[in-house]
C-alpha atoms as a PDB file:
ATOM      1  CA  MET A   1       0.003   0.000  -0.001  1.00  0.00           C
ATOM      2  CA  ARG A   2       1.022   3.631  -0.510  1.00  0.00           C
ATOM      3  CA  VAL A   3       1.911   5.555   2.642  1.00  0.00           C
ATOM      4  CA  ILE A   4       3.569   8.804   3.664  1.00  0.00           C
ATOM      5  CA  GLU A   5       6.789   8.478   5.642  1.00  0.00           C
ATOM      6  CA  ILE A   6       9.066  11.006   7.350  1.00  0.00           C
ATOM      7  CA  GLU A   7      12.405  10.975   5.550  1.00  0.00           C
ATOM      8  CA  GLY A   8      15.188  10.713   8.134  1.00  0.00           C
ATOM      9  CA  GLY A   9      12.680  10.122  10.939  1.00  0.00           C
ATOM     10  CA  SER A  10      11.983  13.817  11.586  1.00  0.00           C
ATOM     11  CA  GLY A  11      12.215  17.149   9.849  1.00  0.00           C
ATOM     12  CA  PRO A  12      10.310  19.980   8.132  1.00  0.00           C
ATOM     13  CA  ALA A  13       7.188  19.483   6.048  1.00  0.00           C
ATOM     14  CA  GLU A  14       9.370  18.745   3.031  1.00  0.00           C
ATOM     15  CA  ALA A  15      10.595  15.589   4.808  1.00  0.00           C
ATOM     16  CA  LEU A  16       7.262  13.881   4.077  1.00  0.00           C
ATOM     17  CA  ARG A  17       7.733  11.404   1.246  1.00  0.00           C
ATOM     18  CA  GLY A  18       5.654   8.732  -0.458  1.00  0.00           C
ATOM     19  CA  ALA A  19       6.641   5.105   0.196  1.00  0.00           C
ATOM     20  CA  GLU A  20       5.232   1.589   0.150  1.00  0.00           C
ATOM     21  CA  ARG A  21       4.487  -0.672   3.103  1.00  0.00           C
ATOM     22  CA  PRO A  22       3.007  -4.191   3.355  1.00  0.00           C
ATOM     23  CA  ASP A  23      -0.774  -4.293   3.499  1.00  0.00           C
ATOM     24  CA  PRO A  24      -2.008  -4.684   7.095  1.00  0.00           C
ATOM     25  CA  VAL A  25      -3.798  -7.831   8.239  1.00  0.00           C
ATOM     26  CA  ALA A  26      -6.659  -7.669  10.751  1.00  0.00           C
ATOM     27  CA  GLY A  27      -6.003  -9.647  13.909  1.00  0.00           C
ATOM     28  CA  ALA A  28      -8.485 -10.616  16.578  1.00  0.00           C
ATOM     29  CA  GLY A  29     -10.659  -7.655  17.552  1.00  0.00           C
ATOM     30  CA  GLN A  30      -9.335  -5.515  14.710  1.00  0.00           C
ATOM     31  CA  VAL A  31     -10.517  -4.250  11.328  1.00  0.00           C
ATOM     32  CA  VAL A  32      -8.688  -2.878   8.308  1.00  0.00           C
ATOM     33  CA  ILE A  33     -10.164   0.258   6.754  1.00  0.00           C
ATOM     34  CA  ARG A  34      -9.680   1.128   3.086  1.00  0.00           C
ATOM     35  CA  VAL A  35      -8.823   4.768   3.715  1.00  0.00           C
ATOM     36  CA  ARG A  36     -10.585   7.370   1.586  1.00  0.00           C
ATOM     37  CA  ALA A  37      -9.656  10.437   3.634  1.00  0.00           C
ATOM     38  CA  ALA A  38      -7.512  11.317   6.654  1.00  0.00           C
ATOM     39  CA  GLY A  39      -7.364  14.326   8.949  1.00  0.00           C
ATOM     40  CA  VAL A  40      -4.249  16.463   9.429  1.00  0.00           C
ATOM     41  CA  ASN A  41      -3.832  17.525  13.053  1.00  0.00           C
ATOM     42  CA  ARG A  42      -1.303  19.460  15.104  1.00  0.00           C
ATOM     43  CA  PRO A  43      -0.015  16.277  16.823  1.00  0.00           C
ATOM     44  CA  ASP A  44       1.026  15.134  13.332  1.00  0.00           C
ATOM     45  CA  LEU A  45       3.252  18.209  13.060  1.00  0.00           C
ATOM     46  CA  LEU A  46       4.792  17.487  16.446  1.00  0.00           C
ATOM     47  CA  GLN A  47       5.451  13.862  15.537  1.00  0.00           C
ATOM     48  CA  ARG A  48       7.045  14.924  12.254  1.00  0.00           C
ATOM     49  CA  LEU A  49       9.378  17.166  14.235  1.00  0.00           C
ATOM     50  CA  GLY A  50      10.313  14.316  16.571  1.00  0.00           C
ATOM     51  CA  ALA A  51       8.493  15.826  19.558  1.00  0.00           C
ATOM     52  CA  TYR A  52       5.513  13.452  19.835  1.00  0.00           C
ATOM     53  CA  PRO A  53       6.468   9.801  19.272  1.00  0.00           C
ATOM     54  CA  PRO A  54       3.710   7.223  18.783  1.00  0.00           C
ATOM     55  CA  PRO A  55       2.729   5.217  21.853  1.00  0.00           C
ATOM     56  CA  PRO A  56       3.958   1.619  22.178  1.00  0.00           C
ATOM     57  CA  GLY A  57       2.324  -0.652  19.623  1.00  0.00           C
ATOM     58  CA  ALA A  58       1.016   2.169  17.411  1.00  0.00           C
ATOM     59  CA  SER A  59       2.033   2.638  13.794  1.00  0.00           C
ATOM     60  CA  ASP A  60       4.878   5.060  13.135  1.00  0.00           C
ATOM     61  CA  ILE A  61       2.914   6.395  10.144  1.00  0.00           C
ATOM     62  CA  LEU A  62       1.290   9.769  10.786  1.00  0.00           C
ATOM     63  CA  GLY A  63      -2.469  10.168  11.000  1.00  0.00           C
ATOM     64  CA  LEU A  64      -4.889   9.934  13.922  1.00  0.00           C
ATOM     65  CA  GLU A  65      -8.252   9.810  12.134  1.00  0.00           C
ATOM     66  CA  VAL A  66      -9.570   8.309   8.914  1.00  0.00           C
ATOM     67  CA  ALA A  67     -12.747   7.496   7.029  1.00  0.00           C
ATOM     68  CA  GLY A  68     -13.374   4.797   4.445  1.00  0.00           C
ATOM     69  CA  GLU A  69     -14.830   1.324   4.056  1.00  0.00           C
ATOM     70  CA  ILE A  70     -14.184  -1.807   6.086  1.00  0.00           C
ATOM     71  CA  ALA A  71     -11.820  -3.978   4.019  1.00  0.00           C
ATOM     72  CA  GLN A  72     -11.088  -6.783   6.511  1.00  0.00           C
ATOM     73  CA  VAL A  73     -12.717  -8.014   9.720  1.00  0.00           C
ATOM     74  CA  GLY A  74     -10.670  -9.869  12.327  1.00  0.00           C
ATOM     75  CA  ALA A  75     -11.752 -12.749  14.523  1.00  0.00           C
ATOM     76  CA  GLY A  76     -14.295 -11.881  17.187  1.00  0.00           C
ATOM     77  CA  VAL A  77     -15.546  -8.715  15.501  1.00  0.00           C
ATOM     78  CA  THR A  78     -19.332  -8.878  15.159  1.00  0.00           C
ATOM     79  CA  ARG A  79     -20.475  -5.297  14.595  1.00  0.00           C
ATOM     80  CA  TRP A  80     -18.698  -4.527  11.312  1.00  0.00           C
ATOM     81  CA  ARG A  81     -18.935  -6.058   7.839  1.00  0.00           C
ATOM     82  CA  VAL A  82     -16.766  -5.629   4.750  1.00  0.00           C
ATOM     83  CA  GLY A  83     -18.000  -2.565   2.869  1.00  0.00           C
ATOM     84  CA  ASP A  84     -19.381  -0.673   5.890  1.00  0.00           C
ATOM     85  CA  ARG A  85     -18.737   3.084   5.677  1.00  0.00           C
ATOM     86  CA  VAL A  86     -16.957   4.105   8.851  1.00  0.00           C
ATOM     87  CA  CYS A  87     -14.598   6.572  10.474  1.00  0.00           C
ATOM     88  CA  ALA A  88     -12.146   5.788  13.245  1.00  0.00           C
ATOM     89  CA  LEU A  89      -9.780   7.154  15.855  1.00  0.00           C
ATOM     90  CA  LEU A  90      -6.227   5.841  15.412  1.00  0.00           C
ATOM     91  CA  GLY A  91      -3.033   5.792  17.443  1.00  0.00           C
ATOM     92  CA  GLY A  92      -1.264   6.272  14.086  1.00  0.00           C
ATOM     93  CA  GLY A  93      -1.343   5.011  10.526  1.00  0.00           C
ATOM     94  CA  GLY A  94      -3.828   7.327   8.824  1.00  0.00           C
ATOM     95  CA  TYR A  95      -1.594   8.653   6.030  1.00  0.00           C
ATOM     96  CA  ALA A  96      -1.935   5.417   4.065  1.00  0.00           C
ATOM     97  CA  GLU A  97      -4.242   3.532   1.711  1.00  0.00           C
ATOM     98  CA  GLN A  98      -5.204   1.114   4.494  1.00  0.00           C
ATOM     99  CA  ALA A  99      -5.328   1.483   8.270  1.00  0.00           C
ATOM    100  CA  LEU A 100      -5.422  -1.169  10.985  1.00  0.00           C
ATOM    101  CA  VAL A 101      -7.588  -0.242  13.967  1.00  0.00           C
ATOM    102  CA  ASP A 102      -9.191  -1.680  17.075  1.00  0.00           C
ATOM    103  CA  ALA A 103     -12.780  -2.404  16.027  1.00  0.00           C
ATOM    104  CA  ARG A 104     -14.040  -0.749  19.235  1.00  0.00           C
ATOM    105  CA  HIS A 105     -12.625   2.615  18.070  1.00  0.00           C
ATOM    106  CA  VAL A 106     -14.734   2.680  14.898  1.00  0.00           C
ATOM    107  CA  VAL A 107     -18.019   4.536  14.404  1.00  0.00           C
ATOM    108  CA  PRO A 108     -20.442   4.656  11.459  1.00  0.00           C
ATOM    109  CA  ILE A 109     -20.331   7.621   9.104  1.00  0.00           C
ATOM    110  CA  PRO A 110     -23.432   9.741   9.752  1.00  0.00           C
ATOM    111  CA  GLU A 111     -25.888   9.881   6.871  1.00  0.00           C
ATOM    112  CA  GLY A 112     -25.233  12.804   4.540  1.00  0.00           C
ATOM    113  CA  LEU A 113     -21.507  13.142   5.210  1.00  0.00           C
ATOM    114  CA  ASP A 114     -18.862  12.311   2.627  1.00  0.00           C
ATOM    115  CA  PHE A 115     -15.560  10.619   3.444  1.00  0.00           C
ATOM    116  CA  VAL A 116     -13.643  13.879   3.836  1.00  0.00           C
ATOM    117  CA  GLN A 117     -16.173  15.310   6.279  1.00  0.00           C
ATOM    118  CA  ALA A 118     -16.323  12.031   8.205  1.00  0.00           C
ATOM    119  CA  ALA A 119     -12.534  11.812   8.510  1.00  0.00           C
ATOM    120  CA  ALA A 120     -12.561  15.263  10.106  1.00  0.00           C
ATOM    121  CA  LEU A 121     -14.672  14.018  13.022  1.00  0.00           C
ATOM    122  CA  PRO A 122     -12.867  11.488  15.264  1.00  0.00           C
ATOM    123  CA  GLU A 123      -9.838  13.381  16.589  1.00  0.00           C
ATOM    124  CA  THR A 124     -11.740  16.629  17.093  1.00  0.00           C
ATOM    125  CA  VAL A 125     -15.071  15.313  18.371  1.00  0.00           C
ATOM    126  CA  PHE A 126     -13.422  12.816  20.721  1.00  0.00           C
ATOM    127  CA  THR A 127     -11.043  15.486  22.044  1.00  0.00           C
ATOM    128  CA  VAL A 128     -13.811  18.013  22.659  1.00  0.00           C
ATOM    129  CA  PHE A 129     -16.083  15.463  24.283  1.00  0.00           C
ATOM    130  CA  ALA A 130     -13.355  14.072  26.555  1.00  0.00           C
ATOM    131  CA  ASN A 131     -12.129  17.483  27.660  1.00  0.00           C
ATOM    132  CA  VAL A 132     -15.093  19.841  27.567  1.00  0.00           C
ATOM    133  CA  PHE A 133     -17.924  17.509  28.567  1.00  0.00           C
ATOM    134  CA  GLU A 134     -16.087  14.926  30.680  1.00  0.00           C
ATOM    135  CA  GLY A 135     -13.031  16.756  32.076  1.00  0.00           C
ATOM    136  CA  GLY A 136     -14.709  20.187  32.098  1.00  0.00           C
ATOM    137  CA  ALA A 137     -18.203  18.908  32.954  1.00  0.00           C
ATOM    138  CA  LEU A 138     -19.863  21.586  30.778  1.00  0.00           C
ATOM    139  CA  LYS A 139     -23.639  21.683  31.265  1.00  0.00           C
ATOM    140  CA  ALA A 140     -26.543  23.377  29.543  1.00  0.00           C
ATOM    141  CA  GLY A 141     -26.859  26.980  30.668  1.00  0.00           C
ATOM    142  CA  GLU A 142     -23.134  27.352  31.401  1.00  0.00           C
ATOM    143  CA  THR A 143     -20.565  29.356  29.411  1.00  0.00           C
ATOM    144  CA  LEU A 144     -17.589  27.892  27.568  1.00  0.00           C
ATOM    145  CA  LEU A 145     -14.608  30.095  26.694  1.00  0.00           C
ATOM    146  CA  ILE A 146     -12.646  28.713  23.722  1.00  0.00           C
ATOM    147  CA  HIS A 147      -9.197  29.964  22.766  1.00  0.00           C
ATOM    148  CA  GLY A 148      -8.097  29.114  19.238  1.00  0.00           C
ATOM    149  CA  ALA A 149     -11.729  28.995  18.209  1.00  0.00           C
ATOM    150  CA  THR A 150     -11.158  28.578  14.457  1.00  0.00           C
ATOM    151  CA  SER A 151      -8.784  25.616  14.797  1.00  0.00           C
ATOM    152  CA  GLY A 152     -10.026  22.129  13.954  1.00  0.00           C
ATOM    153  CA  ILE A 153     -10.748  21.569  17.645  1.00  0.00           C
ATOM    154  CA  GLY A 154     -12.206  25.037  18.149  1.00  0.00           C
ATOM    155  CA  VAL A 155     -14.782  24.906  15.364  1.00  0.00           C
ATOM    156  CA  MET A 156     -16.127  21.629  16.707  1.00  0.00           C
ATOM    157  CA  ALA A 157     -16.101  22.867  20.305  1.00  0.00           C
ATOM    158  CA  ILE A 158     -18.251  25.870  19.339  1.00  0.00           C
ATOM    159  CA  GLN A 159     -20.863  23.699  17.678  1.00  0.00           C
ATOM    160  CA  MET A 160     -20.874  20.927  20.270  1.00  0.00           C
ATOM    161  CA  ALA A 161     -21.234  23.398  23.140  1.00  0.00           C
ATOM    162  CA  LYS A 162     -24.138  25.119  21.397  1.00  0.00           C
ATOM    163  CA  ALA A 163     -25.771  21.753  20.662  1.00  0.00           C
ATOM    164  CA  ALA A 164     -25.537  20.986  24.388  1.00  0.00           C
ATOM    165  CA  GLY A 165     -27.263  24.249  25.325  1.00  0.00           C
ATOM    166  CA  ALA A 166     -24.225  26.237  26.473  1.00  0.00           C
ATOM    167  CA  THR A 167     -23.185  29.824  25.741  1.00  0.00           C
ATOM    168  CA  VAL A 168     -19.893  30.238  23.861  1.00  0.00           C
ATOM    169  CA  ILE A 169     -17.256  32.966  24.092  1.00  0.00           C
ATOM    170  CA  ALA A 170     -14.638  32.514  21.379  1.00  0.00           C
ATOM    171  CA  THR A 171     -11.226  34.099  20.898  1.00  0.00           C
ATOM    172  CA  SER A 172      -9.242  33.936  17.663  1.00  0.00           C
ATOM    173  CA  ARG A 173      -6.552  35.970  15.931  1.00  0.00           C
ATOM    174  CA  GLY A 174      -7.866  38.463  13.389  1.00  0.00           C
ATOM    175  CA  ALA A 175     -11.181  39.997  12.405  1.00  0.00           C
ATOM    176  CA  ASP A 176     -11.848  37.421   9.678  1.00  0.00           C
ATOM    177  CA  LYS A 177     -11.421  34.534  12.091  1.00  0.00           C
ATOM    178  CA  ALA A 178     -13.597  36.278  14.680  1.00  0.00           C
ATOM    179  CA  ARG A 179     -16.356  36.598  12.084  1.00  0.00           C
ATOM    180  CA  ALA A 180     -15.952  32.934  11.165  1.00  0.00           C
ATOM    181  CA  ALA A 181     -16.312  31.877  14.805  1.00  0.00           C
ATOM    182  CA  ALA A 182     -19.464  33.975  15.123  1.00  0.00           C
ATOM    183  CA  GLY A 183     -20.802  32.362  11.975  1.00  0.00           C
ATOM    184  CA  LEU A 184     -20.345  28.946  13.574  1.00  0.00           C
ATOM    185  CA  GLY A 185     -22.491  29.968  16.530  1.00  0.00           C
ATOM    186  CA  ALA A 186     -20.236  31.704  19.062  1.00  0.00           C
ATOM    187  CA  ASP A 187     -22.368  34.094  21.147  1.00  0.00           C
ATOM    188  CA  VAL A 188     -19.413  36.412  21.761  1.00  0.00           C
ATOM    189  CA  SER A 189     -16.538  36.258  19.245  1.00  0.00           C
ATOM    190  CA  LEU A 190     -13.400  38.236  20.075  1.00  0.00           C
ATOM    191  CA  ASP A 191     -10.387  39.244  18.018  1.00  0.00           C
ATOM    192  CA  ALA A 192      -7.302  38.562  20.129  1.00  0.00           C
ATOM    193  CA  LYS A 193      -5.338  41.079  18.059  1.00  0.00           C
ATOM    194  CA  ALA A 194      -7.696  44.003  18.620  1.00  0.00           C
ATOM    195  CA  ASP A 195     -10.041  43.384  21.555  1.00  0.00           C
ATOM    196  CA  ASP A 196      -9.371  43.802  25.265  1.00  0.00           C
ATOM    197  CA  LEU A 197     -10.031  40.146  26.013  1.00  0.00           C
ATOM    198  CA  GLU A 198     -10.191  40.405  29.790  1.00  0.00           C
ATOM    199  CA  ALA A 199     -12.650  43.321  29.717  1.00  0.00           C
ATOM    200  CA  ARG A 200     -14.833  41.789  27.008  1.00  0.00           C
ATOM    201  CA  ILE A 201     -14.998  38.378  28.696  1.00  0.00           C
ATOM    202  CA  LYS A 202     -15.824  40.012  32.032  1.00  0.00           C
ATOM    203  CA  ALA A 203     -18.574  42.059  30.364  1.00  0.00           C
ATOM    204  CA  ALA A 204     -19.989  38.828  28.932  1.00  0.00           C
ATOM    205  CA  GLY A 205     -20.240  37.378  32.443  1.00  0.00           C
ATOM    206  CA  GLY A 206     -17.116  35.227  32.556  1.00  0.00           C
ATOM    207  CA  ALA A 207     -16.776  31.513  31.890  1.00  0.00           C
ATOM    208  CA  ASP A 208     -17.635  28.300  33.670  1.00  0.00           C
ATOM    209  CA  VAL A 209     -15.219  26.287  31.519  1.00  0.00           C
ATOM    210  CA  VAL A 210     -12.139  27.342  29.547  1.00  0.00           C
ATOM    211  CA  LEU A 211     -10.844  25.187  26.681  1.00  0.00           C
ATOM    212  CA  ASP A 212      -7.228  26.309  26.462  1.00  0.00           C
ATOM    213  CA  MET A 213      -4.898  25.514  23.566  1.00  0.00           C
ATOM    214  CA  VAL A 214      -2.669  28.561  24.129  1.00  0.00           C
ATOM    215  CA  GLY A 215      -0.958  27.887  27.473  1.00  0.00           C
ATOM    216  CA  LYS A 216       1.409  30.358  29.081  1.00  0.00           C
ATOM    217  CA  ASP A 217       0.289  33.608  27.426  1.00  0.00           C
ATOM    218  CA  TYR A 218      -3.349  33.190  28.489  1.00  0.00           C
ATOM    219  CA  ALA A 219      -2.844  31.766  31.979  1.00  0.00           C
ATOM    220  CA  ALA A 220      -3.544  35.040  33.798  1.00  0.00           C
ATOM    221  CA  LEU A 221      -6.491  35.747  31.496  1.00  0.00           C
ATOM    222  CA  ASN A 222      -8.022  32.376  32.302  1.00  0.00           C
ATOM    223  CA  LEU A 223      -7.670  32.901  36.052  1.00  0.00           C
ATOM    224  CA  HIS A 224      -9.459  36.258  35.767  1.00  0.00           C
ATOM    225  CA  SER A 225     -12.111  34.979  33.372  1.00  0.00           C
ATOM    226  CA  LEU A 226     -13.320  31.915  35.258  1.00  0.00           C
ATOM    227  CA  LYS A 227     -16.317  32.145  37.542  1.00  0.00           C
ATOM    228  CA  ALA A 228     -16.322  30.606  41.010  1.00  0.00           C
ATOM    229  CA  GLY A 229     -16.254  26.838  40.646  1.00  0.00           C
ATOM    230  CA  GLY A 230     -14.909  27.142  37.097  1.00  0.00           C
ATOM    231  CA  ARG A 231     -12.930  24.480  35.233  1.00  0.00           C
ATOM    232  CA  TRP A 232      -9.801  25.259  33.211  1.00  0.00           C
ATOM    233  CA  VAL A 233      -9.055  22.504  30.701  1.00  0.00           C
ATOM    234  CA  VAL A 234      -5.671  22.501  28.956  1.00  0.00           C
ATOM    235  CA  ILE A 235      -5.201  20.489  25.762  1.00  0.00           C
ATOM    236  CA  ALA A 236      -2.195  22.285  24.224  1.00  0.00           C
ATOM    237  CA  SER A 237       0.420  24.876  25.171  1.00  0.00           C
ATOM    238  CA  LEU A 238       1.352  26.659  21.961  1.00  0.00           C
ATOM    239  CA  THR A 239       2.934  29.629  23.788  1.00  0.00           C
ATOM    240  CA  GLY A 240       4.660  27.579  26.472  1.00  0.00           C
ATOM    241  CA  ALA A 241       3.847  25.014  29.121  1.00  0.00           C
ATOM    242  CA  LYS A 242       5.537  26.584  32.163  1.00  0.00           C
ATOM    243  CA  VAL A 243       3.388  29.087  34.054  1.00  0.00           C
ATOM    244  CA  GLU A 244       3.757  31.045  37.292  1.00  0.00           C
ATOM    245  CA  MET A 245       0.430  31.046  39.087  1.00  0.00           C
ATOM    246  CA  ASN A 246      -1.072  32.527  42.225  1.00  0.00           C
ATOM    247  CA  LEU A 247      -2.567  29.447  43.872  1.00  0.00           C
ATOM    248  CA  GLN A 248      -4.676  31.605  46.177  1.00  0.00           C
ATOM    249  CA  ARG A 249      -6.805  32.608  43.191  1.00  0.00           C
ATOM    250  CA  ILE A 250      -7.523  28.952  42.521  1.00  0.00           C
ATOM    251  CA  MET A 251      -8.404  28.390  46.171  1.00  0.00           C
ATOM    252  CA  LEU A 252     -10.576  31.478  46.548  1.00  0.00           C
ATOM    253  CA  LYS A 253     -12.531  30.825  43.346  1.00  0.00           C
ATOM    254  CA  ARG A 254     -12.631  27.033  43.919  1.00  0.00           C
ATOM    255  CA  LEU A 255     -11.235  26.387  40.451  1.00  0.00           C
ATOM    256  CA  THR A 256     -10.297  23.070  38.895  1.00  0.00           C
ATOM    257  CA  LEU A 257      -7.264  22.920  36.595  1.00  0.00           C
ATOM    258  CA  THR A 258      -7.169  19.808  34.447  1.00  0.00           C
ATOM    259  CA  GLY A 259      -6.140  18.571  31.024  1.00  0.00           C
ATOM    260  CA  SER A 260      -5.435  15.482  29.001  1.00  0.00           C
ATOM    261  CA  THR A 261      -4.082  13.960  25.826  1.00  0.00           C
ATOM    262  CA  LEU A 262      -6.041  11.495  23.726  1.00  0.00           C
ATOM    263  CA  ARG A 263      -3.388   9.425  21.979  1.00  0.00           C
ATOM    264  CA  SER A 264      -1.749   8.014  25.114  1.00  0.00           C
ATOM    265  CA  ARG A 265      -4.986   6.564  26.538  1.00  0.00           C
ATOM    266  CA  SER A 266      -5.319   2.799  26.720  1.00  0.00           C
ATOM    267  CA  ALA A 267      -7.264   0.861  24.095  1.00  0.00           C
ATOM    268  CA  ASP A 268      -9.951   0.079  26.671  1.00  0.00           C
ATOM    269  CA  GLU A 269     -10.281   3.739  27.649  1.00  0.00           C
ATOM    270  CA  LYS A 270     -10.557   4.766  23.988  1.00  0.00           C
ATOM    271  CA  ALA A 271     -13.237   2.110  23.538  1.00  0.00           C
ATOM    272  CA  ARG A 272     -15.182   3.542  26.481  1.00  0.00           C
ATOM    273  CA  LEU A 273     -14.809   7.046  25.043  1.00  0.00           C
ATOM    274  CA  THR A 274     -15.894   5.889  21.575  1.00  0.00           C
ATOM    275  CA  ALA A 275     -19.108   4.440  23.007  1.00  0.00           C
ATOM    276  CA  ALA A 276     -19.796   7.620  24.984  1.00  0.00           C
ATOM    277  CA  VAL A 277     -19.187   9.846  21.956  1.00  0.00           C
ATOM    278  CA  GLU A 278     -21.436   7.723  19.749  1.00  0.00           C
ATOM    279  CA  ALA A 279     -24.211   7.815  22.342  1.00  0.00           C
ATOM    280  CA  THR A 280     -24.054  11.528  23.157  1.00  0.00           C
ATOM    281  CA  ALA A 281     -22.298  13.495  20.406  1.00  0.00           C
ATOM    282  CA  TRP A 282     -23.074  11.446  17.293  1.00  0.00           C
ATOM    283  CA  PRO A 283     -26.789  12.390  17.391  1.00  0.00           C
ATOM    284  CA  TRP A 284     -25.758  16.071  17.123  1.00  0.00           C
ATOM    285  CA  ILE A 285     -23.891  15.238  13.919  1.00  0.00           C
ATOM    286  CA  VAL A 286     -26.698  13.076  12.562  1.00  0.00           C
ATOM    287  CA  SER A 287     -29.172  15.910  13.156  1.00  0.00           C
ATOM    288  CA  GLY A 288     -26.958  18.442  11.380  1.00  0.00           C
ATOM    289  CA  ALA A 289     -26.396  20.558  14.486  1.00  0.00           C
ATOM    290  CA  VAL A 290     -22.670  19.824  14.261  1.00  0.00           C
ATOM    291  CA  ARG A 291     -20.761  19.780  10.964  1.00  0.00           C
ATOM    292  CA  PRO A 292     -16.981  19.779  10.414  1.00  0.00           C
ATOM    293  CA  PRO A 293     -15.892  22.896   8.473  1.00  0.00           C
ATOM    294  CA  ILE A 294     -13.256  21.870   5.897  1.00  0.00           C
ATOM    295  CA  HIS A 295     -10.651  24.498   5.046  1.00  0.00           C
ATOM    296  CA  ALA A 296      -8.693  22.596   2.377  1.00  0.00           C
ATOM    297  CA  VAL A 297      -8.262  19.100   0.930  1.00  0.00           C
ATOM    298  CA  TYR A 298      -4.954  17.804  -0.458  1.00  0.00           C
ATOM    299  CA  PRO A 299      -4.152  14.529  -2.213  1.00  0.00           C
ATOM    300  CA  LEU A 300      -2.208  12.092  -0.021  1.00  0.00           C
ATOM    301  CA  ALA A 301       0.892  12.657  -2.146  1.00  0.00           C
ATOM    302  CA  GLN A 302       0.787  16.350  -1.175  1.00  0.00           C
ATOM    303  CA  ALA A 303       0.897  15.742   2.573  1.00  0.00           C
ATOM    304  CA  ALA A 304       3.870  18.108   2.822  1.00  0.00           C
ATOM    305  CA  ASP A 305       1.724  20.955   1.453  1.00  0.00           C
ATOM    306  CA  ALA A 306      -1.043  20.088   3.928  1.00  0.00           C
ATOM    307  CA  HIS A 307       1.437  20.295   6.812  1.00  0.00           C
ATOM    308  CA  ALA A 308       2.761  23.636   5.570  1.00  0.00           C
ATOM    309  CA  ALA A 309      -0.798  24.976   5.411  1.00  0.00           C
ATOM    310  CA  LEU A 310      -1.531  23.874   8.968  1.00  0.00           C
ATOM    311  CA  GLU A 311       1.715  25.434  10.198  1.00  0.00           C
ATOM    312  CA  ALA A 312       0.870  28.733   8.456  1.00  0.00           C
ATOM    313  CA  GLY A 313      -2.182  29.042  10.722  1.00  0.00           C
ATOM    314  CA  ALA A 314      -4.495  30.801   8.282  1.00  0.00           C
ATOM    315  CA  HIS A 315      -7.046  27.990   8.255  1.00  0.00           C
ATOM    316  CA  VAL A 316     -10.589  28.003   9.628  1.00  0.00           C
ATOM    317  CA  GLY A 317     -11.558  24.398  10.309  1.00  0.00           C
ATOM    318  CA  LYS A 318      -9.849  21.209   9.186  1.00  0.00           C
ATOM    319  CA  ILE A 319      -7.120  20.481   6.672  1.00  0.00           C
ATOM    320  CA  MET A 320      -7.598  17.066   5.109  1.00  0.00           C
ATOM    321  CA  LEU A 321      -5.955  14.463   2.911  1.00  0.00           C
ATOM    322  CA  GLU A 322      -7.849  12.535   0.243  1.00  0.00           C
ATOM    323  CA  VAL A 323      -6.603   9.041  -0.574  1.00  0.00           C
END
């Protein structure tokens, strides 16, 4: 099968090269998916740079989410049949014509979505659900503050929070991105380049939950913005991971600081999360309340261009590969 490899093991986007690998074979409890599309995510960039190695047992090929048809079914798998249209969360292996995956981490493609749209779902929807609704315990009537609101994660977080009955305050860099976030449903959409974020968030009533992909530069802002009993959920630290913090503010406001990564979770935990996402979040997608905005689609052979586009940061929504 055709795959994309990292020449030399790590490097710039130009290090991505086409190669061939043996076709995978489904073992017990596994399926092989004939990949039609794969998502490009920031962890892929980190892995390409040598900063985010795959967990033990995972493929060294990039790619954490795919959509396609079931091509093989391993022993003990009863839910899936050859030809089923599915999407899946992977520990790696998405930038390829075929992907081997635990059958418990596979979900059906919602009616009305094509393969590209479906491949944009797993990494983002699972991440938002695990962090905003489980880790952050967001409830209807509460307010979610999202930083990086036009990223692949951010655009899904806006829609999922609105589908759950929450209010959304979004921050993004530039007037165009702020308008895009508002168009996706954000109740208050702020331009981080022009607006006084602290004053505007305070005027909007503050936040019960913060979804933070920025890290160091917004730490003080998050402490000021959270209401009493608020939850600060960290899923990335683009401006730095080391922060000086006044712990008394956390104590006085009874705040919870938490965070997680998705890829390092055990297969059993991912299976539990898959079932929870399918039960709670998948109906929002089926109903049309949540849709993955696609910024650009590249052929698999142009994975280097897709990485360069993601690194440039001008996108609103997902950057995808078509296989």
